[in-house]
PDB file of N, CA and C in Angstrom:
ATOM      1  N   MET A   1     -59.671  -8.965 -81.565  1.00  0.00           N
ATOM      2  CA  MET A   1     -59.205  -9.144 -80.307  1.00  0.00           C
ATOM      3  C   MET A   1     -59.875  -9.104 -78.866  1.00  0.00           C
ATOM      4  N   THR A   2     -60.103 -10.130 -78.318  1.00  0.00           N
ATOM      5  CA  THR A   2     -60.542  -9.752 -77.169  1.00  0.00           C
ATOM      6  C   THR A   2     -59.386  -9.332 -76.011  1.00  0.00           C
ATOM      7  N   LYS A   3     -60.148  -7.943 -74.885  1.00  0.00           N
ATOM      8  CA  LYS A   3     -59.219  -7.389 -74.443  1.00  0.00           C
ATOM      9  C   LYS A   3     -59.304  -8.087 -72.839  1.00  0.00           C
ATOM     10  N   LYS A   4     -58.121  -8.000 -72.243  1.00  0.00           N
ATOM     11  CA  LYS A   4     -58.516  -9.155 -70.581  1.00  0.00           C
ATOM     12  C   LYS A   4     -58.136  -7.333 -69.985  1.00  0.00           C
ATOM     13  N   ILE A   5     -59.120  -7.200 -69.111  1.00  0.00           N
ATOM     14  CA  ILE A   5     -59.245  -6.087 -67.785  1.00  0.00           C
ATOM     15  C   ILE A   5     -59.294  -6.904 -66.335  1.00  0.00           C
ATOM     16  N   LEU A   6     -57.992  -7.166 -65.834  1.00  0.00           N
ATOM     17  CA  LEU A   6     -57.559  -7.099 -63.968  1.00  0.00           C
ATOM     18  C   LEU A   6     -58.257  -6.087 -63.140  1.00  0.00           C
ATOM     19  N   VAL A   7     -59.627  -6.647 -62.494  1.00  0.00           N
ATOM     20  CA  VAL A   7     -59.832  -5.700 -61.461  1.00  0.00           C
ATOM     21  C   VAL A   7     -59.297  -5.845 -60.014  1.00  0.00           C
ATOM     22  N   ALA A   8     -58.923  -4.930 -59.675  1.00  0.00           N
ATOM     23  CA  ALA A   8     -58.522  -5.881 -58.130  1.00  0.00           C
ATOM     24  C   ALA A   8     -58.995  -4.634 -56.885  1.00  0.00           C
ATOM     25  N   CYS A   9     -58.873  -5.096 -55.644  1.00  0.00           N
ATOM     26  CA  CYS A   9     -59.015  -4.553 -55.081  1.00  0.00           C
ATOM     27  C   CYS A   9     -58.199  -5.434 -53.467  1.00  0.00           C
ATOM     28  N   GLY A  10     -58.342  -4.912 -52.381  1.00  0.00           N
ATOM     29  CA  GLY A  10     -57.548  -4.896 -51.720  1.00  0.00           C
ATOM     30  C   GLY A  10     -57.648  -7.160 -51.246  1.00  0.00           C
ATOM     31  N   ALA A  11     -58.392  -7.380 -51.306  1.00  0.00           N
ATOM     32  CA  ALA A  11     -59.084  -8.540 -50.836  1.00  0.00           C
ATOM     33  C   ALA A  11     -59.735  -9.266 -52.063  1.00  0.00           C
ATOM     34  N   GLY A  12     -60.091  -8.502 -52.994  1.00  0.00           N
ATOM     35  CA  GLY A  12     -60.419  -9.535 -54.338  1.00  0.00           C
ATOM     36  C   GLY A  12     -61.623  -9.352 -54.216  1.00  0.00           C
ATOM     37  N   ILE A  13     -62.564  -9.130 -53.143  1.00  0.00           N
ATOM     38  CA  ILE A  13     -63.922  -9.439 -53.135  1.00  0.00           C
ATOM     39  C   ILE A  13     -65.081  -8.072 -53.344  1.00  0.00           C
ATOM     40  N   ALA A  14     -65.029  -7.595 -52.348  1.00  0.00           N
ATOM     41  CA  ALA A  14     -66.086  -6.544 -52.015  1.00  0.00           C
ATOM     42  C   ALA A  14     -66.323  -5.504 -53.115  1.00  0.00           C
ATOM     43  N   THR A  15     -65.081  -4.448 -52.690  1.00  0.00           N
ATOM     44  CA  THR A  15     -65.416  -2.865 -53.641  1.00  0.00           C
ATOM     45  C   THR A  15     -64.908  -3.587 -55.300  1.00  0.00           C
ATOM     46  N   SER A  16     -64.470  -4.422 -55.569  1.00  0.00           N
ATOM     47  CA  SER A  16     -63.862  -5.035 -56.806  1.00  0.00           C
ATOM     48  C   SER A  16     -64.963  -5.633 -57.762  1.00  0.00           C
ATOM     49  N   THR A  17     -65.544  -6.581 -56.388  1.00  0.00           N
ATOM     50  CA  THR A  17     -67.079  -7.081 -57.066  1.00  0.00           C
ATOM     51  C   THR A  17     -67.789  -5.939 -57.752  1.00  0.00           C
ATOM     52  N   VAL A  18     -68.107  -4.723 -56.849  1.00  0.00           N
ATOM     53  CA  VAL A  18     -68.695  -3.534 -57.605  1.00  0.00           C
ATOM     54  C   VAL A  18     -68.555  -2.656 -59.040  1.00  0.00           C
ATOM     55  N   VAL A  19     -66.806  -2.783 -59.416  1.00  0.00           N
ATOM     56  CA  VAL A  19     -66.209  -1.801 -60.066  1.00  0.00           C
ATOM     57  C   VAL A  19     -66.392  -3.430 -61.143  1.00  0.00           C
ATOM     58  N   ALA A  20     -65.923  -4.184 -60.766  1.00  0.00           N
ATOM     59  CA  ALA A  20     -66.009  -5.234 -62.114  1.00  0.00           C
ATOM     60  C   ALA A  20     -67.652  -5.077 -62.772  1.00  0.00           C
ATOM     61  N   ASN A  21     -68.924  -4.439 -62.136  1.00  0.00           N
ATOM     62  CA  ASN A  21     -70.198  -4.778 -62.795  1.00  0.00           C
ATOM     63  C   ASN A  21     -69.943  -3.681 -63.636  1.00  0.00           C
ATOM     64  N   ARG A  22     -69.449  -2.890 -62.605  1.00  0.00           N
ATOM     65  CA  ARG A  22     -69.321  -1.366 -63.615  1.00  0.00           C
ATOM     66  C   ARG A  22     -68.724  -0.642 -64.756  1.00  0.00           C
ATOM     67  N   VAL A  23     -67.684  -2.189 -65.168  1.00  0.00           N
ATOM     68  CA  VAL A  23     -67.080  -1.871 -65.753  1.00  0.00           C
ATOM     69  C   VAL A  23     -67.021  -3.092 -67.079  1.00  0.00           C
ATOM     70  N   GLU A  24     -67.921  -3.974 -66.552  1.00  0.00           N
ATOM     71  CA  GLU A  24     -68.518  -5.137 -67.376  1.00  0.00           C
ATOM     72  C   GLU A  24     -69.648  -4.396 -68.300  1.00  0.00           C
ATOM     73  N   ASN A  25     -70.916  -3.468 -67.533  1.00  0.00           N
ATOM     74  CA  ASN A  25     -71.269  -2.867 -68.412  1.00  0.00           C
ATOM     75  C   ASN A  25     -70.895  -1.532 -69.220  1.00  0.00           C
ATOM     76  N   LEU A  26     -70.055  -1.424 -68.812  1.00  0.00           N
ATOM     77  CA  LEU A  26     -69.364  -0.753 -69.699  1.00  0.00           C
ATOM     78  C   LEU A  26     -68.638  -0.949 -71.092  1.00  0.00           C
ATOM     79  N   ILE A  27     -68.483  -2.014 -70.678  1.00  0.00           N
ATOM     80  CA  ILE A  27     -68.110  -2.356 -72.156  1.00  0.00           C
ATOM     81  C   ILE A  27     -69.346  -3.398 -72.849  1.00  0.00           C
ATOM     82  N   LYS A  28     -69.912  -3.140 -72.048  1.00  0.00           N
ATOM     83  CA  LYS A  28     -71.120  -4.155 -73.168  1.00  0.00           C
ATOM     84  C   LYS A  28     -71.714  -2.886 -73.512  1.00  0.00           C
ATOM     85  N   ASP A  29     -71.959  -1.932 -72.901  1.00  0.00           N
ATOM     86  CA  ASP A  29     -72.784  -0.878 -73.301  1.00  0.00           C
ATOM     87  C   ASP A  29     -71.957   0.077 -74.804  1.00  0.00           C
ATOM     88  N   ASN A  30     -70.631  -0.121 -74.775  1.00  0.00           N
ATOM     89  CA  ASN A  30     -69.774   0.225 -75.978  1.00  0.00           C
ATOM     90  C   ASN A  30     -69.587  -0.778 -77.082  1.00  0.00           C
ATOM     91  N   HIS A  31     -69.689  -1.696 -76.816  1.00  0.00           N
ATOM     92  CA  HIS A  31     -69.664  -3.153 -77.601  1.00  0.00           C
ATOM     93  C   HIS A  31     -67.539  -3.344 -77.315  1.00  0.00           C
ATOM     94  N   VAL A  32     -67.903  -3.050 -76.571  1.00  0.00           N
ATOM     95  CA  VAL A  32     -65.985  -3.808 -76.865  1.00  0.00           C
ATOM     96  C   VAL A  32     -65.837  -5.146 -76.097  1.00  0.00           C
ATOM     97  N   ASP A  33     -65.044  -6.071 -77.219  1.00  0.00           N
ATOM     98  CA  ASP A  33     -65.029  -7.092 -76.592  1.00  0.00           C
ATOM     99  C   ASP A  33     -63.782  -7.524 -75.717  1.00  0.00           C
ATOM    100  N   ALA A  34     -63.772  -7.757 -74.303  1.00  0.00           N
ATOM    101  CA  ALA A  34     -63.204  -8.060 -73.064  1.00  0.00           C
ATOM    102  C   ALA A  34     -63.875  -8.607 -72.278  1.00  0.00           C
ATOM    103  N   GLU A  35     -62.489  -9.107 -71.486  1.00  0.00           N
ATOM    104  CA  GLU A  35     -63.479 -10.172 -70.265  1.00  0.00           C
ATOM    105  C   GLU A  35     -62.270  -9.616 -68.576  1.00  0.00           C
ATOM    106  N   ILE A  36     -63.265  -9.606 -68.176  1.00  0.00           N
ATOM    107  CA  ILE A  36     -62.920  -9.389 -66.794  1.00  0.00           C
ATOM    108  C   ILE A  36     -62.549 -10.084 -65.198  1.00  0.00           C
ATOM    109  N   GLU A  37     -60.944  -9.886 -65.146  1.00  0.00           N
ATOM    110  CA  GLU A  37     -60.674 -11.280 -64.194  1.00  0.00           C
ATOM    111  C   GLU A  37     -60.884 -10.195 -62.795  1.00  0.00           C
ATOM    112  N   GLN A  38     -61.346 -10.762 -61.877  1.00  0.00           N
ATOM    113  CA  GLN A  38     -61.047  -9.798 -60.442  1.00  0.00           C
ATOM    114  C   GLN A  38     -60.393 -10.749 -59.724  1.00  0.00           C
ATOM    115  N   CYS A  39     -59.440 -10.031 -58.646  1.00  0.00           N
ATOM    116  CA  CYS A  39     -58.478 -10.478 -58.494  1.00  0.00           C
ATOM    117  C   CYS A  39     -57.692  -9.039 -56.716  1.00  0.00           C
ATOM    118  N   LYS A  40     -57.140 -10.102 -55.884  1.00  0.00           N
ATOM    119  CA  LYS A  40     -56.338  -8.885 -55.143  1.00  0.00           C
ATOM    120  C   LYS A  40     -55.454  -8.165 -55.873  1.00  0.00           C
ATOM    121  N   ILE A  41     -55.264  -7.350 -55.398  1.00  0.00           N
ATOM    122  CA  ILE A  41     -53.707  -6.347 -55.936  1.00  0.00           C
ATOM    123  C   ILE A  41     -52.450  -6.787 -55.684  1.00  0.00           C
ATOM    124  N   THR A  42     -52.321  -7.664 -54.632  1.00  0.00           N
ATOM    125  CA  THR A  42     -50.946  -8.338 -54.468  1.00  0.00           C
ATOM    126  C   THR A  42     -51.118  -9.504 -55.824  1.00  0.00           C
ATOM    127  N   GLU A  43     -51.960  -9.741 -56.089  1.00  0.00           N
ATOM    128  CA  GLU A  43     -51.433 -10.497 -57.922  1.00  0.00           C
ATOM    129  C   GLU A  43     -51.928 -10.287 -58.879  1.00  0.00           C
ATOM    130  N   VAL A  44     -51.593  -9.280 -58.965  1.00  0.00           N
ATOM    131  CA  VAL A  44     -51.878  -8.151 -60.395  1.00  0.00           C
ATOM    132  C   VAL A  44     -50.461  -8.146 -60.844  1.00  0.00           C
ATOM    133  N   LYS A  45     -49.071  -7.964 -60.342  1.00  0.00           N
ATOM    134  CA  LYS A  45     -47.629  -8.107 -60.670  1.00  0.00           C
ATOM    135  C   LYS A  45     -47.649  -9.877 -61.431  1.00  0.00           C
ATOM    136  N   SER A  46     -48.591 -10.713 -61.542  1.00  0.00           N
ATOM    137  CA  SER A  46     -47.827 -12.190 -61.187  1.00  0.00           C
ATOM    138  C   SER A  46     -49.330 -12.115 -63.178  1.00  0.00           C
ATOM    139  N   LYS A  47     -49.962 -11.560 -62.521  1.00  0.00           N
ATOM    140  CA  LYS A  47     -51.414 -11.771 -63.847  1.00  0.00           C
ATOM    141  C   LYS A  47     -51.190 -10.539 -64.646  1.00  0.00           C
ATOM    142  N   GLN A  48     -50.916  -9.907 -64.833  1.00  0.00           N
ATOM    143  CA  GLN A  48     -50.671  -8.562 -65.734  1.00  0.00           C
ATOM    144  C   GLN A  48     -49.949  -9.148 -67.194  1.00  0.00           C
ATOM    145  N   SER A  49     -49.117 -10.132 -67.030  1.00  0.00           N
ATOM    146  CA  SER A  49     -48.674 -10.934 -68.560  1.00  0.00           C
ATOM    147  C   SER A  49     -49.980 -10.933 -69.678  1.00  0.00           C
ATOM    148  N   GLY A  50     -50.716 -10.495 -70.570  1.00  0.00           N
ATOM    149  CA  GLY A  50     -51.762 -10.979 -71.495  1.00  0.00           C
ATOM    150  C   GLY A  50     -52.554 -10.074 -70.832  1.00  0.00           C
ATOM    151  N   ALA A  51     -52.406  -9.910 -69.981  1.00  0.00           N
ATOM    152  CA  ALA A  51     -53.335  -8.607 -69.597  1.00  0.00           C
ATOM    153  C   ALA A  51     -53.873  -7.312 -70.596  1.00  0.00           C
ATOM    154  N   ASP A  52     -54.716  -6.542 -70.484  1.00  0.00           N
ATOM    155  CA  ASP A  52     -54.406  -5.044 -71.165  1.00  0.00           C
ATOM    156  C   ASP A  52     -54.467  -3.742 -69.688  1.00  0.00           C
ATOM    157  N   LEU A  53     -55.333  -4.266 -69.189  1.00  0.00           N
ATOM    158  CA  LEU A  53     -55.582  -3.084 -68.416  1.00  0.00           C
ATOM    159  C   LEU A  53     -55.793  -3.489 -66.768  1.00  0.00           C
ATOM    160  N   ILE A  54     -55.269  -2.755 -66.181  1.00  0.00           N
ATOM    161  CA  ILE A  54     -55.287  -2.889 -64.461  1.00  0.00           C
ATOM    162  C   ILE A  54     -56.145  -1.435 -64.084  1.00  0.00           C
ATOM    163  N   VAL A  55     -57.773  -1.959 -63.366  1.00  0.00           N
ATOM    164  CA  VAL A  55     -58.495  -1.370 -62.989  1.00  0.00           C
ATOM    165  C   VAL A  55     -58.183  -1.557 -61.217  1.00  0.00           C
ATOM    166  N   SER A  56     -57.986  -0.505 -60.724  1.00  0.00           N
ATOM    167  CA  SER A  56     -57.690  -0.897 -59.307  1.00  0.00           C
ATOM    168  C   SER A  56     -58.783   0.569 -57.719  1.00  0.00           C
ATOM    169  N   THR A  57     -59.171  -0.671 -57.099  1.00  0.00           N
ATOM    170  CA  THR A  57     -59.804  -0.016 -56.011  1.00  0.00           C
ATOM    171  C   THR A  57     -58.737   0.488 -54.758  1.00  0.00           C
ATOM    172  N   THR A  58     -57.917   0.521 -54.856  1.00  0.00           N
ATOM    173  CA  THR A  58     -56.917   0.866 -54.412  1.00  0.00           C
ATOM    174  C   THR A  58     -55.855   1.230 -54.433  1.00  0.00           C
ATOM    175  N   ILE A  59     -54.998   1.716 -54.523  1.00  0.00           N
ATOM    176  CA  ILE A  59     -53.220   2.457 -54.577  1.00  0.00           C
ATOM    177  C   ILE A  59     -52.216   1.761 -54.796  1.00  0.00           C
ATOM    178  N   LEU A  60     -52.047   1.598 -55.897  1.00  0.00           N
ATOM    179  CA  LEU A  60     -51.232   0.831 -56.794  1.00  0.00           C
ATOM    180  C   LEU A  60     -50.076   0.288 -56.330  1.00  0.00           C
ATOM    181  N   PRO A  61     -49.119  -0.597 -55.710  1.00  0.00           N
ATOM    182  CA  PRO A  61     -48.096  -0.315 -54.297  1.00  0.00           C
ATOM    183  C   PRO A  61     -47.010  -0.654 -55.596  1.00  0.00           C
ATOM    184  N   THR A  62     -46.748  -0.623 -56.561  1.00  0.00           N
ATOM    185  CA  THR A  62     -45.440  -0.662 -57.257  1.00  0.00           C
ATOM    186  C   THR A  62     -45.832  -0.483 -59.021  1.00  0.00           C
ATOM    187  N   LYS A  63     -45.317  -0.648 -59.789  1.00  0.00           N
ATOM    188  CA  LYS A  63     -45.728  -0.057 -61.230  1.00  0.00           C
ATOM    189  C   LYS A  63     -45.661  -1.373 -61.975  1.00  0.00           C
ATOM    190  N   TYR A  64     -46.223  -1.750 -62.782  1.00  0.00           N
ATOM    191  CA  TYR A  64     -46.957  -2.250 -64.008  1.00  0.00           C
ATOM    192  C   TYR A  64     -46.978  -2.501 -65.393  1.00  0.00           C
ATOM    193  N   ASP A  65     -46.181  -3.188 -66.056  1.00  0.00           N
ATOM    194  CA  ASP A  65     -46.306  -3.686 -67.527  1.00  0.00           C
ATOM    195  C   ASP A  65     -47.205  -3.112 -68.809  1.00  0.00           C
ATOM    196  N   ILE A  66     -48.653  -2.673 -67.525  1.00  0.00           N
ATOM    197  CA  ILE A  66     -49.490  -2.485 -68.279  1.00  0.00           C
ATOM    198  C   ILE A  66     -50.319  -1.377 -67.789  1.00  0.00           C
ATOM    199  N   PRO A  67     -51.226  -0.588 -68.761  1.00  0.00           N
ATOM    200  CA  PRO A  67     -51.767   0.807 -68.062  1.00  0.00           C
ATOM    201  C   PRO A  67     -52.751  -0.307 -66.781  1.00  0.00           C
ATOM    202  N   ALA A  68     -52.386   1.456 -65.211  1.00  0.00           N
ATOM    203  CA  ALA A  68     -53.379   0.618 -64.929  1.00  0.00           C
ATOM    204  C   ALA A  68     -53.887   2.289 -64.396  1.00  0.00           C
ATOM    205  N   VAL A  69     -55.742   2.019 -64.026  1.00  0.00           N
ATOM    206  CA  VAL A  69     -56.036   2.828 -63.593  1.00  0.00           C
ATOM    207  C   VAL A  69     -56.614   3.362 -61.469  1.00  0.00           C
ATOM    208  N   ILE A  70     -56.914   3.829 -61.424  1.00  0.00           N
ATOM    209  CA  ILE A  70     -57.238   3.747 -59.789  1.00  0.00           C
ATOM    210  C   ILE A  70     -58.740   4.279 -59.968  1.00  0.00           C
ATOM    211  N   ALA A  71     -59.459   3.413 -59.384  1.00  0.00           N
ATOM    212  CA  ALA A  71     -61.494   3.204 -59.959  1.00  0.00           C
ATOM    213  C   ALA A  71     -62.373   3.759 -59.081  1.00  0.00           C
ATOM    214  N   THR A  72     -61.582   4.771 -57.724  1.00  0.00           N
ATOM    215  CA  THR A  72     -62.448   5.111 -56.783  1.00  0.00           C
ATOM    216  C   THR A  72     -63.762   5.873 -57.356  1.00  0.00           C
ATOM    217  N   ALA A  73     -63.918   6.558 -58.487  1.00  0.00           N
ATOM    218  CA  ALA A  73     -64.940   7.051 -58.698  1.00  0.00           C
ATOM    219  C   ALA A  73     -66.431   6.286 -58.569  1.00  0.00           C
ATOM    220  N   TYR A  74     -65.555   5.348 -59.411  1.00  0.00           N
ATOM    221  CA  TYR A  74     -67.226   3.844 -59.237  1.00  0.00           C
ATOM    222  C   TYR A  74     -67.398   3.950 -57.905  1.00  0.00           C
ATOM    223  N   ILE A  75     -66.396   4.090 -56.365  1.00  0.00           N
ATOM    224  CA  ILE A  75     -67.242   4.118 -55.010  1.00  0.00           C
ATOM    225  C   ILE A  75     -67.721   5.034 -54.614  1.00  0.00           C
ATOM    226  N   SER A  76     -66.929   6.024 -55.292  1.00  0.00           N
ATOM    227  CA  SER A  76     -67.405   7.492 -54.346  1.00  0.00           C
ATOM    228  C   SER A  76     -68.841   8.091 -55.550  1.00  0.00           C
ATOM    229  N   GLY A  77     -68.864   8.037 -56.607  1.00  0.00           N
ATOM    230  CA  GLY A  77     -69.964   7.975 -57.323  1.00  0.00           C
ATOM    231  C   GLY A  77     -69.033   9.489 -57.979  1.00  0.00           C
ATOM    232  N   VAL A  78     -68.535  10.085 -57.786  1.00  0.00           N
ATOM    233  CA  VAL A  78     -68.123  11.213 -58.642  1.00  0.00           C
ATOM    234  C   VAL A  78     -67.121  11.106 -59.470  1.00  0.00           C
ATOM    235  N   GLY A  79     -66.967  11.567 -60.319  1.00  0.00           N
ATOM    236  CA  GLY A  79     -66.628  11.589 -61.772  1.00  0.00           C
ATOM    237  C   GLY A  79     -66.397  10.054 -62.117  1.00  0.00           C
ATOM    238  N   MET A  80     -67.411   9.717 -62.239  1.00  0.00           N
ATOM    239  CA  MET A  80     -67.657   8.450 -63.026  1.00  0.00           C
ATOM    240  C   MET A  80     -67.435   8.441 -64.577  1.00  0.00           C
ATOM    241  N   ASP A  81     -68.080   9.388 -65.319  1.00  0.00           N
ATOM    242  CA  ASP A  81     -68.278   9.705 -67.345  1.00  0.00           C
ATOM    243  C   ASP A  81     -66.728   9.954 -67.090  1.00  0.00           C
ATOM    244  N   LYS A  82     -65.724  10.817 -66.206  1.00  0.00           N
ATOM    245  CA  LYS A  82     -64.386  10.531 -66.642  1.00  0.00           C
ATOM    246  C   LYS A  82     -63.393   9.193 -66.614  1.00  0.00           C
ATOM    247  N   LEU A  83     -63.593   8.440 -65.432  1.00  0.00           N
ATOM    248  CA  LEU A  83     -63.366   7.441 -65.541  1.00  0.00           C
ATOM    249  C   LEU A  83     -63.693   6.195 -67.231  1.00  0.00           C
ATOM    250  N   ASP A  84     -65.303   6.200 -66.741  1.00  0.00           N
ATOM    251  CA  ASP A  84     -65.801   5.564 -67.915  1.00  0.00           C
ATOM    252  C   ASP A  84     -64.564   5.895 -69.541  1.00  0.00           C
ATOM    253  N   ALA A  85     -64.442   7.233 -69.779  1.00  0.00           N
ATOM    254  CA  ALA A  85     -63.833   7.698 -70.913  1.00  0.00           C
ATOM    255  C   ALA A  85     -62.200   7.304 -70.983  1.00  0.00           C
ATOM    256  N   LYS A  86     -62.237   7.250 -69.740  1.00  0.00           N
ATOM    257  CA  LYS A  86     -60.497   6.990 -69.624  1.00  0.00           C
ATOM    258  C   LYS A  86     -60.451   5.474 -69.506  1.00  0.00           C
ATOM    259  N   ILE A  87     -60.911   5.002 -69.146  1.00  0.00           N
ATOM    260  CA  ILE A  87     -60.784   3.152 -69.414  1.00  0.00           C
ATOM    261  C   ILE A  87     -61.309   2.525 -70.948  1.00  0.00           C
ATOM    262  N   LEU A  88     -62.432   3.357 -71.747  1.00  0.00           N
ATOM    263  CA  LEU A  88     -62.334   3.441 -72.821  1.00  0.00           C
ATOM    264  C   LEU A  88     -61.152   3.804 -73.482  1.00  0.00           C
ATOM    265  N   SER A  89     -60.357   4.864 -73.653  1.00  0.00           N
ATOM    266  CA  SER A  89     -59.185   5.017 -74.249  1.00  0.00           C
ATOM    267  C   SER A  89     -58.178   4.100 -73.971  1.00  0.00           C
ATOM    268  N   TYR A  90     -58.474   3.097 -73.075  1.00  0.00           N
ATOM    269  CA  TYR A  90     -57.122   2.539 -73.241  1.00  0.00           C
ATOM    270  C   TYR A  90     -58.110   1.049 -73.916  1.00  0.00           C
ATOM    271  N   LEU A  91     -59.285   0.858 -73.686  1.00  0.00           N
ATOM    272  CA  LEU A  91     -59.579  -0.272 -74.595  1.00  0.00           C
ATOM    273  C   LEU A  91     -59.551  -0.273 -76.273  1.00  0.00           C
ATOM    274  N   ASN A  92     -59.319   0.706 -76.724  1.00  0.00           N
ATOM    275  CA  ASN A  92     -60.150   1.044 -78.003  1.00  0.00           C
ATOM    276  C   ASN A  92     -58.669   1.458 -78.882  1.00  0.00           C
TER     277      ASN A  92
END
């Protein structure tokens, strides 16, 4: 079954593109069947239905019905392996 990952940032453009590319490579390298949708953090609440994971570059303004991880490690370059493992744990 294909998993759905929401990748969110403040505007849904800049940092989410960096993170989406990293997550896309991660799922390909680990043979995870998943699709990625980029969006604004304000859109996540309405898009979470049918999604399996939220990966955000910004602080989450609320609680969601699905797991959410903050992906600042992909921007800073610090702790990326831990974040990779955390994301994969939610998808497997």
